[in-house]
Amino acid sequence: MLGYPSRKTRGQAEGGFTMIEVLVAVLVLAIGLLGVASVQLLSMQQTSNANLRSQVTLHIQDMAEQLRANGGNALGATAMAEWKSRLQRELGANADVTVSVASEQATIKISWREKDSFEANKYKDHELELKAGL
């Protein structure tokens, strides 16, 4: 009678993966996913910083236009306080603005703080200066 060989025969190697092989594969996959997650986090942080820089650019251009509309005269204390309040609300508590008007030129300087994971204290101060003709 011809029979089929049994599943377990002596001396025949079994197929499939061992538990150690599976654990090593899961470990390699986990390390790869952690790398992807850290890159995603850094990307989101840089996107947020780019958004802050865009807002600063819009604010500084808006302020230059307001100075031009004011006839080249410096803004009053109330207007400057409103600008500083708006900047701190939109750019963070460390945001500040200085404006100086001399003859036909205004110098507007906005400073703010961004998150930077490469810095020791995790933050970096930035400053943008615009010299606008009036």
Protein backbone atom coordinates (compact mmCIF):
# COMPACT_ATOMS: atom_id res chain seq x y z
CA MET A 1 0.00 0.00 0.00
CA LEU A 2 1.32 3.36 -0.99
CA GLY A 3 0.89 5.93 1.68
CA TYR A 4 1.60 9.54 1.96
CA PRO A 5 4.55 10.46 4.15
CA SER A 6 3.59 11.77 7.52
CA ARG A 7 4.04 15.42 8.34
CA LYS A 8 6.80 14.81 10.80
CA THR A 9 9.47 12.50 9.58
CA ARG A 10 12.76 12.04 11.23
CA GLY A 11 15.62 14.07 9.80
CA GLN A 12 13.42 16.33 7.65
CA ALA A 13 13.67 20.09 8.31
CA GLU A 14 10.48 21.94 9.09
CA GLY A 15 9.55 25.04 7.09
CA GLY A 16 8.38 28.41 8.46
CA PHE A 17 9.84 31.12 10.65
CA THR A 18 11.16 30.78 14.15
CA MET A 19 10.07 33.08 16.92
CA ILE A 20 13.48 34.81 16.98
CA GLU A 21 13.26 35.61 13.27
CA VAL A 22 9.83 37.16 13.77
CA LEU A 23 11.02 39.21 16.77
CA VAL A 24 14.03 40.52 14.82
CA ALA A 25 11.78 41.50 11.90
CA VAL A 26 9.39 43.32 14.24
CA LEU A 27 12.33 45.12 15.88
CA VAL A 28 13.68 46.30 12.50
CA LEU A 29 10.20 47.47 11.51
CA ALA A 30 9.76 49.35 14.81
CA ILE A 31 13.09 51.15 14.39
CA GLY A 32 12.11 52.16 10.86
CA LEU A 33 8.73 53.47 12.00
CA LEU A 34 10.37 55.51 14.78
CA GLY A 35 12.62 57.10 12.18
CA VAL A 36 9.65 57.97 9.99
CA ALA A 37 7.79 59.44 12.99
CA SER A 38 10.75 61.65 13.94
CA VAL A 39 11.06 62.95 10.39
CA GLN A 40 7.33 63.69 10.36
CA LEU A 41 7.62 65.59 13.66
CA LEU A 42 10.53 67.67 12.35
CA SER A 43 8.59 68.38 9.15
CA MET A 44 5.56 69.63 11.11
CA GLN A 45 7.80 71.86 13.24
CA GLN A 46 9.46 73.39 10.19
CA THR A 47 6.06 73.97 8.58
CA SER A 48 4.96 75.84 11.70
CA ASN A 49 8.13 77.96 11.62
CA ALA A 50 7.60 78.75 7.93
CA ASN A 51 4.08 79.87 8.78
CA LEU A 52 5.47 82.22 11.45
CA ARG A 53 7.94 83.71 8.96
CA SER A 54 5.14 84.28 6.46
CA GLN A 55 3.09 86.05 9.12
CA VAL A 56 6.06 88.24 10.05
CA THR A 57 6.53 89.22 6.40
CA LEU A 58 2.87 90.15 6.06
CA HIS A 59 2.92 92.16 9.29
CA ILE A 60 6.03 94.10 8.34
CA GLN A 61 4.61 94.94 4.90
CA ASP A 62 1.32 95.98 6.46
CA MET A 63 3.12 98.24 8.91
CA ALA A 64 5.12 99.85 6.09
CA GLU A 65 1.89 100.55 4.21
CA GLN A 66 0.35 102.05 7.33
CA LEU A 67 3.35 104.37 7.72
CA ARG A 68 3.02 105.44 4.08
CA ALA A 69 -0.70 106.08 4.57
CA ASN A 70 0.14 108.13 7.66
CA GLY A 71 2.11 110.54 5.48
CA GLY A 72 5.51 109.22 6.56
CA ASN A 73 4.94 110.16 10.16
CA ALA A 74 5.72 107.79 13.01
CA LEU A 75 2.79 105.93 14.50
CA GLY A 76 1.38 107.08 17.81
CA ALA A 77 1.82 105.23 21.09
CA THR A 78 -1.67 103.74 20.88
CA ALA A 79 -1.11 102.38 17.37
CA MET A 80 2.28 100.92 18.36
CA ALA A 81 0.75 99.26 21.43
CA GLU A 82 -1.93 97.72 19.20
CA TRP A 83 0.74 96.42 16.80
CA LYS A 84 2.77 94.89 19.62
CA SER A 85 -0.33 93.30 21.09
CA ARG A 86 -1.30 91.82 17.72
CA LEU A 87 2.22 90.50 17.12
CA GLN A 88 2.40 88.88 20.54
CA ARG A 89 -0.99 87.29 20.02
CA GLU A 90 -0.09 85.85 16.61
CA LEU A 91 3.67 85.24 16.92
CA GLY A 92 4.08 84.50 20.61
CA ALA A 93 4.79 86.37 23.83
CA ASN A 94 8.39 87.14 22.83
CA ALA A 95 7.46 89.02 19.66
CA ASP A 96 8.38 92.68 19.50
CA VAL A 97 8.42 95.50 16.97
CA THR A 98 10.45 98.70 16.69
CA VAL A 99 9.86 101.46 14.17
CA SER A 100 12.09 104.41 13.42
CA VAL A 101 11.36 107.08 10.85
CA ALA A 102 14.16 109.27 9.52
CA SER A 103 13.63 111.68 6.63
CA GLU A 104 12.04 109.66 3.82
CA GLN A 105 12.86 106.18 5.14
CA ALA A 106 11.29 103.99 7.82
CA THR A 107 13.08 101.10 9.47
CA ILE A 108 10.77 98.44 10.84
CA LYS A 109 12.21 95.58 12.88
CA ILE A 110 10.19 92.59 14.11
CA SER A 111 11.70 89.97 16.40
CA TRP A 112 10.14 86.65 17.41
CA ARG A 113 11.05 83.23 18.79
CA GLU A 114 10.73 79.91 16.97
CA LYS A 115 11.00 76.33 18.15
CA ASP A 116 14.25 74.76 16.99
CA SER A 117 15.06 71.21 18.00
CA PHE A 118 18.71 71.65 16.99
CA GLU A 119 19.34 74.40 19.55
CA ALA A 120 20.38 73.61 23.12
CA ASN A 121 17.42 75.45 24.67
CA LYS A 122 15.00 74.29 21.89
CA TYR A 123 14.24 77.88 20.82
CA LYS A 124 15.90 80.37 18.49
CA ASP A 125 15.30 84.11 18.25
CA HIS A 126 14.85 85.65 14.82
CA GLU A 127 14.64 89.18 13.52
CA LEU A 128 13.43 90.69 10.27
CA GLU A 129 14.23 94.27 9.30
CA LEU A 130 12.63 96.24 6.51
CA LYS A 131 13.79 99.63 5.27
CA ALA A 132 10.90 101.21 3.42
CA GLY A 133 10.84 104.41 1.45
CA LEU A 134 8.02 106.73 2.44
